[in-house]
Amino acid sequence: MQDQKLPCVLISGFEGLYSVNEDHVGYLKKHFNLVTVQEFLDNKTHFSQKIQALYLWGGKLRIDQELLQSLPALKIIVNPGAGLDHLDLNMIASFGVKLANTPHAVSNSTADMGMALLLASARRLLEGHEIATSPDIKHFSINWMGQEVTGSTLGIIGMGNIGYKIAQRAKAFEMKILYHNRNRRKVEEEQAVGAHYCEKLDELLQQSDFVMLVVNLTPQTHKLIGKRELELMKPTASLINIGRGQLVDQDALVEALQTGIIKAAALDVTHPEPLPRSHPLLKLKNVILTPHIGGVTHRSRRLIMENMVESLLAALSGLPIPNEVHLK
């Protein structure tokens, strides 16, 4: 039973792979009338004038012109995480709708994931697990080795909030830290983590033992790492991607991994997601793949939801919106 005094918010649904987290539903219902996409489609006349906000969860609620035209009372769209590449920002702005995301809620969990992938790749954890659990193994080779992390060089591409947190973690491993970013960090911030700025991406690629992608996907960063960039890397280097799959030319990456141009890759993101089951990346021993779980922990998901609710309540009350994305 809906409380008619509460504002209506459109959600994907309560069931299925892309539904609202069931642990969050009670909290959300304290503040909003939740209307599923199916309920809206079944009764557009009733809901079109009532829905004031879109609560994106899972990225599968398609925001197109038809939907926005059917929601004349819409004031705000809230999006989990930091990435906005799945949204047409100019179109949203043209309808006068505000947008907010949660760029800081996933920073720690994503930075943790970046280091987890780096360590797992360096020490060949998946291969080691297979050896340790294989029914045919009777002895372990003393010459089966991984790569030392301590004292090695990490190149971070994208030194925003998450990139800086990765640098903080890498410092504890006594790594030499290089970074490439649109804007250089303050000197005191560099000194705090021992990071060295590379104005040219090529310089970072040539020197790093591990290259980690932490940039947003934009037209400028699409296929940022291609055949030329991979060939600049050391043959002993590993590529870690916790940004977006389209930052990397995957065909070039497959070739580089198959031919020894680079040693390994650890990818939390691919394009598409999931990859087709016949994709060659799934068959390579020197690749670790995870299902885009960098920001997925119980704590971070709860914080994301609370941030989104905070922005919704502010927008619907005419107050300044936390983490508002200022659309052009």
C-alpha atoms as a PDB file:
ATOM      1  CA  MET A   1       0.000   0.000   0.000  1.00  0.00           C
ATOM      2  CA  GLN A   2       1.525   3.292  -1.083  1.00  0.00           C
ATOM      3  CA  ASP A   3       1.642   6.400   1.070  1.00  0.00           C
ATOM      4  CA  GLN A   4       0.181   9.072  -1.217  1.00  0.00           C
ATOM      5  CA  LYS A   5       2.122  11.789   0.626  1.00  0.00           C
ATOM      6  CA  LEU A   6       5.470  10.376  -0.488  1.00  0.00           C
ATOM      7  CA  PRO A   7       6.990  11.298  -3.881  1.00  0.00           C
ATOM      8  CA  CYS A   8       6.960   8.679  -6.639  1.00  0.00           C
ATOM      9  CA  VAL A   9      10.309   7.321  -7.798  1.00  0.00           C
ATOM     10  CA  LEU A  10      10.760   5.043 -10.817  1.00  0.00           C
ATOM     11  CA  ILE A  11      12.936   1.943 -10.270  1.00  0.00           C
ATOM     12  CA  SER A  12      13.887  -1.039 -12.430  1.00  0.00           C
ATOM     13  CA  GLY A  13      12.061  -3.579 -10.277  1.00  0.00           C
ATOM     14  CA  PHE A  14      12.162  -5.742  -7.165  1.00  0.00           C
ATOM     15  CA  GLU A  15      13.219  -9.037  -8.799  1.00  0.00           C
ATOM     16  CA  GLY A  16      15.834 -10.186 -11.262  1.00  0.00           C
ATOM     17  CA  LEU A  17      19.508  -9.522 -11.978  1.00  0.00           C
ATOM     18  CA  TYR A  18      19.129  -5.737 -12.191  1.00  0.00           C
ATOM     19  CA  SER A  19      16.611  -5.168  -9.439  1.00  0.00           C
ATOM     20  CA  VAL A  20      16.961  -2.832  -6.487  1.00  0.00           C
ATOM     21  CA  ASN A  21      18.958  -4.444  -3.677  1.00  0.00           C
ATOM     22  CA  GLU A  22      16.427  -6.202  -1.466  1.00  0.00           C
ATOM     23  CA  ASP A  23      18.255  -5.051   1.672  1.00  0.00           C
ATOM     24  CA  HIS A  24      17.645  -1.436   0.627  1.00  0.00           C
ATOM     25  CA  VAL A  25      13.934  -1.648  -0.165  1.00  0.00           C
ATOM     26  CA  GLY A  26      12.725  -0.972   3.387  1.00  0.00           C
ATOM     27  CA  TYR A  27      14.862   2.155   3.674  1.00  0.00           C
ATOM     28  CA  LEU A  28      13.738   3.422   0.274  1.00  0.00           C
ATOM     29  CA  LYS A  29      10.067   2.877   1.067  1.00  0.00           C
ATOM     30  CA  LYS A  30      10.362   5.109   4.121  1.00  0.00           C
ATOM     31  CA  HIS A  31      11.024   8.050   1.804  1.00  0.00           C
ATOM     32  CA  PHE A  32       9.386   7.222  -1.536  1.00  0.00           C
ATOM     33  CA  ASN A  33       6.604   5.442  -3.363  1.00  0.00           C
ATOM     34  CA  LEU A  34       8.567   3.015  -5.533  1.00  0.00           C
ATOM     35  CA  VAL A  35       7.115   2.455  -8.992  1.00  0.00           C
ATOM     36  CA  THR A  36       8.617  -0.329 -11.116  1.00  0.00           C
ATOM     37  CA  VAL A  37       9.148   0.085 -14.837  1.00  0.00           C
ATOM     38  CA  GLN A  38       6.556  -2.596 -15.494  1.00  0.00           C
ATOM     39  CA  GLU A  39       3.976  -0.821 -13.321  1.00  0.00           C
ATOM     40  CA  PHE A  40       4.690   2.400 -15.180  1.00  0.00           C
ATOM     41  CA  LEU A  41       4.365   0.778 -18.607  1.00  0.00           C
ATOM     42  CA  ASP A  42       1.108  -0.880 -17.577  1.00  0.00           C
ATOM     43  CA  ASN A  43      -0.409   2.410 -16.396  1.00  0.00           C
ATOM     44  CA  LYS A  44       1.405   5.375 -17.953  1.00  0.00           C
ATOM     45  CA  THR A  45      -1.616   7.649 -17.677  1.00  0.00           C
ATOM     46  CA  HIS A  46      -1.737   7.213 -13.906  1.00  0.00           C
ATOM     47  CA  PHE A  47       1.992   7.485 -13.182  1.00  0.00           C
ATOM     48  CA  SER A  48       3.394   9.895 -15.799  1.00  0.00           C
ATOM     49  CA  GLN A  49       2.423  13.037 -13.880  1.00  0.00           C
ATOM     50  CA  LYS A  50       3.440  11.577 -10.501  1.00  0.00           C
ATOM     51  CA  ILE A  51       6.965  10.273 -11.039  1.00  0.00           C
ATOM     52  CA  GLN A  52       9.468  12.922  -9.931  1.00  0.00           C
ATOM     53  CA  ALA A  53      12.712  10.937  -9.908  1.00  0.00           C
ATOM     54  CA  LEU A  54      14.532   8.017 -11.523  1.00  0.00           C
ATOM     55  CA  TYR A  55      16.557   5.740  -9.286  1.00  0.00           C
ATOM     56  CA  LEU A  56      19.060   3.909 -11.490  1.00  0.00           C
ATOM     57  CA  TRP A  57      20.383   0.631 -10.124  1.00  0.00           C
ATOM     58  CA  GLY A  58      22.244  -1.765 -12.358  1.00  0.00           C
ATOM     59  CA  GLY A  59      22.328   0.551 -15.370  1.00  0.00           C
ATOM     60  CA  LYS A  60      19.573  -1.311 -17.221  1.00  0.00           C
ATOM     61  CA  LEU A  61      16.821   1.305 -17.059  1.00  0.00           C
ATOM     62  CA  ARG A  62      17.144   2.866 -20.520  1.00  0.00           C
ATOM     63  CA  ILE A  63      17.025   6.660 -20.376  1.00  0.00           C
ATOM     64  CA  ASP A  64      15.907   7.817 -23.811  1.00  0.00           C
ATOM     65  CA  GLN A  65      13.911  10.682 -25.254  1.00  0.00           C
ATOM     66  CA  GLU A  66      10.675   8.707 -25.252  1.00  0.00           C
ATOM     67  CA  LEU A  67      10.957   7.963 -21.532  1.00  0.00           C
ATOM     68  CA  LEU A  68      11.820  11.551 -20.605  1.00  0.00           C
ATOM     69  CA  GLN A  69       8.963  12.912 -22.710  1.00  0.00           C
ATOM     70  CA  SER A  70       6.569  10.619 -20.851  1.00  0.00           C
ATOM     71  CA  LEU A  71       7.682  11.981 -17.440  1.00  0.00           C
ATOM     72  CA  PRO A  72       6.833  15.717 -17.413  1.00  0.00           C
ATOM     73  CA  ALA A  73       7.155  15.956 -13.600  1.00  0.00           C
ATOM     74  CA  LEU A  74      10.671  14.439 -13.546  1.00  0.00           C
ATOM     75  CA  LYS A  75      13.161  16.516 -11.543  1.00  0.00           C
ATOM     76  CA  ILE A  76      16.216  14.316 -11.053  1.00  0.00           C
ATOM     77  CA  ILE A  77      17.987  11.133 -12.091  1.00  0.00           C
ATOM     78  CA  VAL A  78      20.310   9.527  -9.551  1.00  0.00           C
ATOM     79  CA  ASN A  79      23.019   7.148 -10.720  1.00  0.00           C
ATOM     80  CA  PRO A  80      25.156   4.780  -8.617  1.00  0.00           C
ATOM     81  CA  GLY A  81      28.945   5.017  -8.815  1.00  0.00           C
ATOM     82  CA  ALA A  82      31.040   7.487 -10.780  1.00  0.00           C
ATOM     83  CA  GLY A  83      30.765   6.400 -14.429  1.00  0.00           C
ATOM     84  CA  LEU A  84      28.224   8.207 -16.616  1.00  0.00           C
ATOM     85  CA  ASP A  85      29.190   6.876 -20.041  1.00  0.00           C
ATOM     86  CA  HIS A  86      25.869   4.997 -20.313  1.00  0.00           C
ATOM     87  CA  LEU A  87      23.875   8.248 -20.147  1.00  0.00           C
ATOM     88  CA  ASP A  88      23.235  10.912 -22.795  1.00  0.00           C
ATOM     89  CA  LEU A  89      24.056  13.962 -20.676  1.00  0.00           C
ATOM     90  CA  ASN A  90      23.113  16.511 -23.328  1.00  0.00           C
ATOM     91  CA  MET A  91      19.695  14.934 -23.806  1.00  0.00           C
ATOM     92  CA  ILE A  92      19.031  14.875 -20.054  1.00  0.00           C
ATOM     93  CA  ALA A  93      20.052  18.530 -19.783  1.00  0.00           C
ATOM     94  CA  SER A  94      17.720  19.460 -22.646  1.00  0.00           C
ATOM     95  CA  PHE A  95      14.757  18.299 -20.539  1.00  0.00           C
ATOM     96  CA  GLY A  96      15.849  20.416 -17.585  1.00  0.00           C
ATOM     97  CA  VAL A  97      16.348  17.308 -15.460  1.00  0.00           C
ATOM     98  CA  LYS A  98      19.104  17.279 -12.846  1.00  0.00           C
ATOM     99  CA  LEU A  99      21.565  14.439 -12.405  1.00  0.00           C
ATOM    100  CA  ALA A 100      23.520  13.180  -9.394  1.00  0.00           C
ATOM    101  CA  ASN A 101      25.906  10.274  -8.911  1.00  0.00           C
ATOM    102  CA  THR A 102      27.954   8.833  -6.052  1.00  0.00           C
ATOM    103  CA  PRO A 103      31.617   9.307  -7.031  1.00  0.00           C
ATOM    104  CA  HIS A 104      33.089   8.837  -3.573  1.00  0.00           C
ATOM    105  CA  ALA A 105      30.981   5.947  -2.285  1.00  0.00           C
ATOM    106  CA  VAL A 106      32.928   3.342  -4.280  1.00  0.00           C
ATOM    107  CA  SER A 107      36.418   4.825  -3.985  1.00  0.00           C
ATOM    108  CA  ASN A 108      37.793   2.551  -1.278  1.00  0.00           C
ATOM    109  CA  SER A 109      36.211  -0.646  -2.568  1.00  0.00           C
ATOM    110  CA  THR A 110      37.375   0.000  -6.145  1.00  0.00           C
ATOM    111  CA  ALA A 111      40.898   0.878  -4.996  1.00  0.00           C
ATOM    112  CA  ASP A 112      40.959  -2.345  -2.966  1.00  0.00           C
ATOM    113  CA  MET A 113      39.887  -4.263  -6.070  1.00  0.00           C
ATOM    114  CA  GLY A 114      42.628  -2.686  -8.143  1.00  0.00           C
ATOM    115  CA  MET A 115      45.265  -3.835  -5.679  1.00  0.00           C
ATOM    116  CA  ALA A 116      43.642  -7.270  -5.385  1.00  0.00           C
ATOM    117  CA  LEU A 117      43.862  -7.762  -9.144  1.00  0.00           C
ATOM    118  CA  LEU A 118      47.444  -6.498  -9.222  1.00  0.00           C
ATOM    119  CA  LEU A 119      48.497  -8.912  -6.490  1.00  0.00           C
ATOM    120  CA  ALA A 120      46.562 -11.837  -7.930  1.00  0.00           C
ATOM    121  CA  SER A 121      48.088 -11.298 -11.352  1.00  0.00           C
ATOM    122  CA  ALA A 122      51.635 -10.802 -10.055  1.00  0.00           C
ATOM    123  CA  ARG A 123      51.537 -13.895  -7.873  1.00  0.00           C
ATOM    124  CA  ARG A 124      49.530 -15.983 -10.382  1.00  0.00           C
ATOM    125  CA  LEU A 125      46.916 -16.849  -7.797  1.00  0.00           C
ATOM    126  CA  LEU A 126      44.399 -18.453 -10.153  1.00  0.00           C
ATOM    127  CA  GLU A 127      47.044 -20.696 -11.704  1.00  0.00           C
ATOM    128  CA  GLY A 128      48.350 -21.496  -8.238  1.00  0.00           C
ATOM    129  CA  HIS A 129      44.873 -22.447  -7.053  1.00  0.00           C
ATOM    130  CA  GLU A 130      44.476 -24.811 -10.007  1.00  0.00           C
ATOM    131  CA  ILE A 131      47.812 -26.452  -9.222  1.00  0.00           C
ATOM    132  CA  ALA A 132      47.033 -26.784  -5.513  1.00  0.00           C
ATOM    133  CA  THR A 133      43.590 -28.327  -6.134  1.00  0.00           C
ATOM    134  CA  SER A 134      44.333 -30.468  -9.206  1.00  0.00           C
ATOM    135  CA  PRO A 135      43.615 -34.184  -8.574  1.00  0.00           C
ATOM    136  CA  ASP A 136      46.674 -35.123 -10.653  1.00  0.00           C
ATOM    137  CA  ILE A 137      49.251 -33.135  -8.676  1.00  0.00           C
ATOM    138  CA  LYS A 138      51.584 -35.127  -6.401  1.00  0.00           C
ATOM    139  CA  HIS A 139      54.434 -32.610  -6.035  1.00  0.00           C
ATOM    140  CA  PHE A 140      54.795 -28.826  -6.275  1.00  0.00           C
ATOM    141  CA  SER A 141      57.603 -27.444  -8.427  1.00  0.00           C
ATOM    142  CA  ILE A 142      59.999 -25.204  -6.505  1.00  0.00           C
ATOM    143  CA  ASN A 143      60.642 -23.271  -9.732  1.00  0.00           C
ATOM    144  CA  TRP A 144      57.040 -22.149 -10.325  1.00  0.00           C
ATOM    145  CA  MET A 145      57.289 -18.411  -9.648  1.00  0.00           C
ATOM    146  CA  GLY A 146      55.330 -15.193  -9.615  1.00  0.00           C
ATOM    147  CA  GLN A 147      56.441 -11.584  -9.817  1.00  0.00           C
ATOM    148  CA  GLU A 148      57.592  -9.466  -6.875  1.00  0.00           C
ATOM    149  CA  VAL A 149      55.275  -6.543  -6.102  1.00  0.00           C
ATOM    150  CA  THR A 150      57.342  -4.842  -3.425  1.00  0.00           C
ATOM    151  CA  GLY A 151      59.762  -2.417  -5.013  1.00  0.00           C
ATOM    152  CA  SER A 152      58.249  -2.692  -8.507  1.00  0.00           C
ATOM    153  CA  THR A 153      56.873   0.234 -10.524  1.00  0.00           C
ATOM    154  CA  LEU A 154      53.160   0.955 -10.765  1.00  0.00           C
ATOM    155  CA  GLY A 155      51.865   3.291 -13.455  1.00  0.00           C
ATOM    156  CA  ILE A 156      48.440   4.731 -12.640  1.00  0.00           C
ATOM    157  CA  ILE A 157      46.510   6.184 -15.574  1.00  0.00           C
ATOM    158  CA  GLY A 158      43.943   8.502 -14.008  1.00  0.00           C
ATOM    159  CA  MET A 159      44.869  10.065 -10.670  1.00  0.00           C
ATOM    160  CA  GLY A 160      41.434  11.096  -9.463  1.00  0.00           C
ATOM    161  CA  ASN A 161      39.965  10.041  -6.145  1.00  0.00           C
ATOM    162  CA  ILE A 162      40.239   6.302  -6.811  1.00  0.00           C
ATOM    163  CA  GLY A 163      43.640   6.579  -8.468  1.00  0.00           C
ATOM    164  CA  TYR A 164      45.013   8.453  -5.486  1.00  0.00           C
ATOM    165  CA  LYS A 165      43.679   5.827  -3.081  1.00  0.00           C
ATOM    166  CA  ILE A 166      45.431   3.163  -5.148  1.00  0.00           C
ATOM    167  CA  ALA A 167      48.649   5.161  -4.816  1.00  0.00           C
ATOM    168  CA  GLN A 168      48.187   5.239  -1.040  1.00  0.00           C
ATOM    169  CA  ARG A 169      47.881   1.461  -0.998  1.00  0.00           C
ATOM    170  CA  ALA A 170      50.806   0.974  -3.376  1.00  0.00           C
ATOM    171  CA  LYS A 171      53.008   3.112  -1.147  1.00  0.00           C
ATOM    172  CA  ALA A 172      52.521   0.545   1.624  1.00  0.00           C
ATOM    173  CA  PHE A 173      53.980  -2.036  -0.769  1.00  0.00           C
ATOM    174  CA  GLU A 174      57.024   0.200  -1.271  1.00  0.00           C
ATOM    175  CA  MET A 175      56.197   0.526  -4.956  1.00  0.00           C
ATOM    176  CA  LYS A 176      57.576   3.258  -7.167  1.00  0.00           C
ATOM    177  CA  ILE A 177      54.495   5.169  -8.348  1.00  0.00           C
ATOM    178  CA  LEU A 178      54.154   6.922 -11.683  1.00  0.00           C
ATOM    179  CA  TYR A 179      50.934   8.586 -12.816  1.00  0.00           C
ATOM    180  CA  HIS A 180      49.458  10.213 -15.894  1.00  0.00           C
ATOM    181  CA  ASN A 181      46.482  12.537 -15.558  1.00  0.00           C
ATOM    182  CA  ARG A 182      44.900  15.465 -17.394  1.00  0.00           C
ATOM    183  CA  ASN A 183      45.939  17.685 -14.500  1.00  0.00           C
ATOM    184  CA  ARG A 184      48.940  17.301 -12.261  1.00  0.00           C
ATOM    185  CA  ARG A 185      48.299  16.793  -8.552  1.00  0.00           C
ATOM    186  CA  LYS A 186      49.549  19.273  -5.979  1.00  0.00           C
ATOM    187  CA  VAL A 187      53.183  18.754  -5.010  1.00  0.00           C
ATOM    188  CA  GLU A 188      52.265  17.945  -1.415  1.00  0.00           C
ATOM    189  CA  GLU A 189      49.808  15.279  -2.620  1.00  0.00           C
ATOM    190  CA  GLU A 190      52.500  13.724  -4.801  1.00  0.00           C
ATOM    191  CA  GLN A 191      54.973  13.752  -1.941  1.00  0.00           C
ATOM    192  CA  ALA A 192      52.480  12.143   0.456  1.00  0.00           C
ATOM    193  CA  VAL A 193      52.401   8.972  -1.669  1.00  0.00           C
ATOM    194  CA  GLY A 194      55.758   9.299  -3.419  1.00  0.00           C
ATOM    195  CA  ALA A 195      54.159   9.658  -6.855  1.00  0.00           C
ATOM    196  CA  HIS A 196      55.950  11.000  -9.940  1.00  0.00           C
ATOM    197  CA  TYR A 197      53.984  12.758 -12.680  1.00  0.00           C
ATOM    198  CA  CYS A 198      54.397  11.638 -16.288  1.00  0.00           C
ATOM    199  CA  GLU A 199      53.174  14.322 -18.644  1.00  0.00           C
ATOM    200  CA  LYS A 200      53.477  11.864 -21.533  1.00  0.00           C
ATOM    201  CA  LEU A 201      51.602   8.559 -21.324  1.00  0.00           C
ATOM    202  CA  ASP A 202      54.364   6.851 -23.294  1.00  0.00           C
ATOM    203  CA  GLU A 203      56.851   7.549 -20.512  1.00  0.00           C
ATOM    204  CA  LEU A 204      54.647   5.798 -17.964  1.00  0.00           C
ATOM    205  CA  LEU A 205      54.020   2.790 -20.223  1.00  0.00           C
ATOM    206  CA  GLN A 206      57.721   2.267 -20.908  1.00  0.00           C
ATOM    207  CA  GLN A 207      58.771   2.312 -17.250  1.00  0.00           C
ATOM    208  CA  SER A 208      55.948   0.497 -15.424  1.00  0.00           C
ATOM    209  CA  ASP A 209      55.863  -3.111 -14.273  1.00  0.00           C
ATOM    210  CA  PHE A 210      52.125  -2.775 -13.697  1.00  0.00           C
ATOM    211  CA  VAL A 211      49.861  -0.372 -15.605  1.00  0.00           C
ATOM    212  CA  MET A 212      46.483   0.336 -14.010  1.00  0.00           C
ATOM    213  CA  LEU A 213      43.608   2.065 -15.804  1.00  0.00           C
ATOM    214  CA  VAL A 214      41.443   4.203 -13.514  1.00  0.00           C
ATOM    215  CA  VAL A 215      40.041   6.771 -15.974  1.00  0.00           C
ATOM    216  CA  ASN A 216      36.452   7.458 -17.014  1.00  0.00           C
ATOM    217  CA  LEU A 217      35.330   6.431 -20.470  1.00  0.00           C
ATOM    218  CA  THR A 218      35.035   9.459 -22.759  1.00  0.00           C
ATOM    219  CA  PRO A 219      35.521   9.960 -26.519  1.00  0.00           C
ATOM    220  CA  GLN A 220      39.111  10.952 -25.680  1.00  0.00           C
ATOM    221  CA  THR A 221      39.849   7.808 -23.636  1.00  0.00           C
ATOM    222  CA  HIS A 222      38.081   5.298 -25.902  1.00  0.00           C
ATOM    223  CA  LYS A 223      40.699   2.639 -26.791  1.00  0.00           C
ATOM    224  CA  LEU A 224      43.316   4.651 -24.928  1.00  0.00           C
ATOM    225  CA  ILE A 225      45.379   1.468 -24.771  1.00  0.00           C
ATOM    226  CA  GLY A 226      45.816  -0.032 -28.220  1.00  0.00           C
ATOM    227  CA  LYS A 227      48.444  -1.921 -30.184  1.00  0.00           C
ATOM    228  CA  ARG A 228      50.978   0.933 -30.107  1.00  0.00           C
ATOM    229  CA  GLU A 229      50.610   1.494 -26.349  1.00  0.00           C
ATOM    230  CA  LEU A 230      50.861  -2.218 -25.560  1.00  0.00           C
ATOM    231  CA  GLU A 231      54.060  -2.471 -27.587  1.00  0.00           C
ATOM    232  CA  LEU A 232      55.558   0.329 -25.498  1.00  0.00           C
ATOM    233  CA  MET A 233      55.060  -1.690 -22.308  1.00  0.00           C
ATOM    234  CA  LYS A 234      57.676  -4.041 -20.915  1.00  0.00           C
ATOM    235  CA  PRO A 235      57.306  -7.707 -21.984  1.00  0.00           C
ATOM    236  CA  THR A 236      57.258  -8.482 -18.246  1.00  0.00           C
ATOM    237  CA  ALA A 237      54.476  -5.955 -17.508  1.00  0.00           C
ATOM    238  CA  SER A 238      50.838  -6.528 -16.561  1.00  0.00           C
ATOM    239  CA  LEU A 239      47.788  -4.431 -17.473  1.00  0.00           C
ATOM    240  CA  ILE A 240      45.064  -3.943 -14.857  1.00  0.00           C
ATOM    241  CA  ASN A 241      41.768  -2.349 -15.864  1.00  0.00           C
ATOM    242  CA  ILE A 242      39.212  -1.224 -13.275  1.00  0.00           C
ATOM    243  CA  GLY A 243      37.790   1.601 -15.385  1.00  0.00           C
ATOM    244  CA  ARG A 244      35.735   0.562 -18.418  1.00  0.00           C
ATOM    245  CA  GLY A 245      36.284  -2.170 -20.966  1.00  0.00           C
ATOM    246  CA  GLN A 246      36.292   0.226 -23.912  1.00  0.00           C
ATOM    247  CA  LEU A 247      39.417   1.943 -22.594  1.00  0.00           C
ATOM    248  CA  VAL A 248      41.317  -0.961 -24.157  1.00  0.00           C
ATOM    249  CA  ASP A 249      41.417  -2.281 -27.713  1.00  0.00           C
ATOM    250  CA  GLN A 250      40.576  -5.864 -26.742  1.00  0.00           C
ATOM    251  CA  ASP A 251      41.689  -7.384 -30.057  1.00  0.00           C
ATOM    252  CA  ALA A 252      45.092  -5.757 -29.630  1.00  0.00           C
ATOM    253  CA  LEU A 253      45.203  -6.945 -26.014  1.00  0.00           C
ATOM    254  CA  VAL A 254      44.488 -10.548 -27.000  1.00  0.00           C
ATOM    255  CA  GLU A 255      47.309 -10.435 -29.543  1.00  0.00           C
ATOM    256  CA  ALA A 256      49.693  -8.865 -27.018  1.00  0.00           C
ATOM    257  CA  LEU A 257      48.938 -11.555 -24.447  1.00  0.00           C
ATOM    258  CA  GLN A 258      49.196 -14.405 -26.954  1.00  0.00           C
ATOM    259  CA  THR A 259      52.501 -13.250 -28.423  1.00  0.00           C
ATOM    260  CA  GLY A 260      54.285 -12.150 -25.240  1.00  0.00           C
ATOM    261  CA  ILE A 261      54.216  -8.413 -25.943  1.00  0.00           C
ATOM    262  CA  ILE A 262      53.052  -8.083 -22.331  1.00  0.00           C
ATOM    263  CA  LYS A 263      53.061 -10.735 -19.644  1.00  0.00           C
ATOM    264  CA  ALA A 264      49.536 -10.644 -18.191  1.00  0.00           C
ATOM    265  CA  ALA A 265      46.275  -8.776 -17.729  1.00  0.00           C
ATOM    266  CA  ALA A 266      43.755  -8.534 -14.901  1.00  0.00           C
ATOM    267  CA  LEU A 267      40.415  -7.078 -15.948  1.00  0.00           C
ATOM    268  CA  ASP A 268      37.396  -6.226 -13.835  1.00  0.00           C
ATOM    269  CA  VAL A 269      35.766  -4.668 -16.898  1.00  0.00           C
ATOM    270  CA  THR A 270      35.392  -5.776 -20.513  1.00  0.00           C
ATOM    271  CA  HIS A 271      33.290  -4.908 -23.538  1.00  0.00           C
ATOM    272  CA  PRO A 272      30.706  -6.304 -23.676  1.00  0.00           C
ATOM    273  CA  GLU A 273      29.891  -7.578 -20.207  1.00  0.00           C
ATOM    274  CA  PRO A 274      29.847 -10.507 -20.003  1.00  0.00           C
ATOM    275  CA  LEU A 275      32.088 -11.448 -22.891  1.00  0.00           C
ATOM    276  CA  PRO A 276      30.769 -13.997 -25.419  1.00  0.00           C
ATOM    277  CA  ARG A 277      31.663 -17.447 -24.117  1.00  0.00           C
ATOM    278  CA  SER A 278      33.834 -18.039 -27.181  1.00  0.00           C
ATOM    279  CA  HIS A 279      35.959 -14.912 -26.634  1.00  0.00           C
ATOM    280  CA  PRO A 280      39.718 -15.658 -26.662  1.00  0.00           C
ATOM    281  CA  LEU A 281      40.311 -13.714 -23.431  1.00  0.00           C
ATOM    282  CA  LEU A 282      38.401 -16.472 -21.616  1.00  0.00           C
ATOM    283  CA  LYS A 283      40.893 -19.077 -22.762  1.00  0.00           C
ATOM    284  CA  LEU A 284      44.182 -17.401 -21.839  1.00  0.00           C
ATOM    285  CA  LYS A 285      46.068 -18.562 -18.750  1.00  0.00           C
ATOM    286  CA  ASN A 286      47.718 -15.165 -18.258  1.00  0.00           C
ATOM    287  CA  VAL A 287      44.402 -13.325 -17.819  1.00  0.00           C
ATOM    288  CA  ILE A 288      42.294 -12.789 -14.698  1.00  0.00           C
ATOM    289  CA  LEU A 289      38.691 -11.726 -15.311  1.00  0.00           C
ATOM    290  CA  THR A 290      36.167 -10.603 -12.719  1.00  0.00           C
ATOM    291  CA  PRO A 291      32.539  -9.528 -13.322  1.00  0.00           C
ATOM    292  CA  HIS A 292      32.755  -5.729 -12.803  1.00  0.00           C
ATOM    293  CA  ILE A 293      32.747  -5.977  -9.022  1.00  0.00           C
ATOM    294  CA  GLY A 294      35.233  -3.225  -8.164  1.00  0.00           C
ATOM    295  CA  GLY A 295      32.695  -1.159  -6.241  1.00  0.00           C
ATOM    296  CA  VAL A 296      30.573  -4.053  -5.047  1.00  0.00           C
ATOM    297  CA  THR A 297      30.751  -4.615  -1.298  1.00  0.00           C
ATOM    298  CA  HIS A 298      27.984  -4.589   1.297  1.00  0.00           C
ATOM    299  CA  ARG A 299      29.365  -1.395   2.787  1.00  0.00           C
ATOM    300  CA  SER A 300      29.853   0.474  -0.487  1.00  0.00           C
ATOM    301  CA  ARG A 301      26.432  -0.528  -1.835  1.00  0.00           C
ATOM    302  CA  ARG A 302      24.749   0.734   1.324  1.00  0.00           C
ATOM    303  CA  LEU A 303      26.678   3.999   1.100  1.00  0.00           C
ATOM    304  CA  ILE A 304      25.748   4.376  -2.583  1.00  0.00           C
ATOM    305  CA  MET A 305      22.079   3.946  -1.778  1.00  0.00           C
ATOM    306  CA  GLU A 306      22.208   6.445   1.094  1.00  0.00           C
ATOM    307  CA  ASN A 307      24.009   8.974  -1.133  1.00  0.00           C
ATOM    308  CA  MET A 308      21.386   8.539  -3.833  1.00  0.00           C
ATOM    309  CA  VAL A 309      18.535   9.013  -1.358  1.00  0.00           C
ATOM    310  CA  GLU A 310      20.216  12.130   0.017  1.00  0.00           C
ATOM    311  CA  SER A 311      20.410  13.630  -3.463  1.00  0.00           C
ATOM    312  CA  LEU A 312      16.822  12.679  -4.250  1.00  0.00           C
ATOM    313  CA  LEU A 313      15.448  14.251  -1.089  1.00  0.00           C
ATOM    314  CA  ALA A 314      17.451  17.432  -1.665  1.00  0.00           C
ATOM    315  CA  ALA A 315      16.272  17.800  -5.269  1.00  0.00           C
ATOM    316  CA  LEU A 316      12.637  17.167  -4.395  1.00  0.00           C
ATOM    317  CA  SER A 317      12.862  19.760  -1.604  1.00  0.00           C
ATOM    318  CA  GLY A 318      14.540  22.380  -3.761  1.00  0.00           C
ATOM    319  CA  LEU A 319      17.796  22.207  -1.798  1.00  0.00           C
ATOM    320  CA  PRO A 320      21.399  22.007  -3.091  1.00  0.00           C
ATOM    321  CA  ILE A 321      22.023  18.497  -4.409  1.00  0.00           C
ATOM    322  CA  PRO A 322      25.002  16.553  -3.029  1.00  0.00           C
ATOM    323  CA  ASN A 323      27.196  15.200  -5.824  1.00  0.00           C
ATOM    324  CA  GLU A 324      25.190  16.932  -8.530  1.00  0.00           C
ATOM    325  CA  VAL A 325      26.623  16.467 -12.010  1.00  0.00           C
ATOM    326  CA  HIS A 326      26.531  19.876 -13.628  1.00  0.00           C
ATOM    327  CA  LEU A 327      25.272  19.314 -17.140  1.00  0.00           C
ATOM    328  CA  LYS A 328      26.219  21.638 -19.958  1.00  0.00           C
END
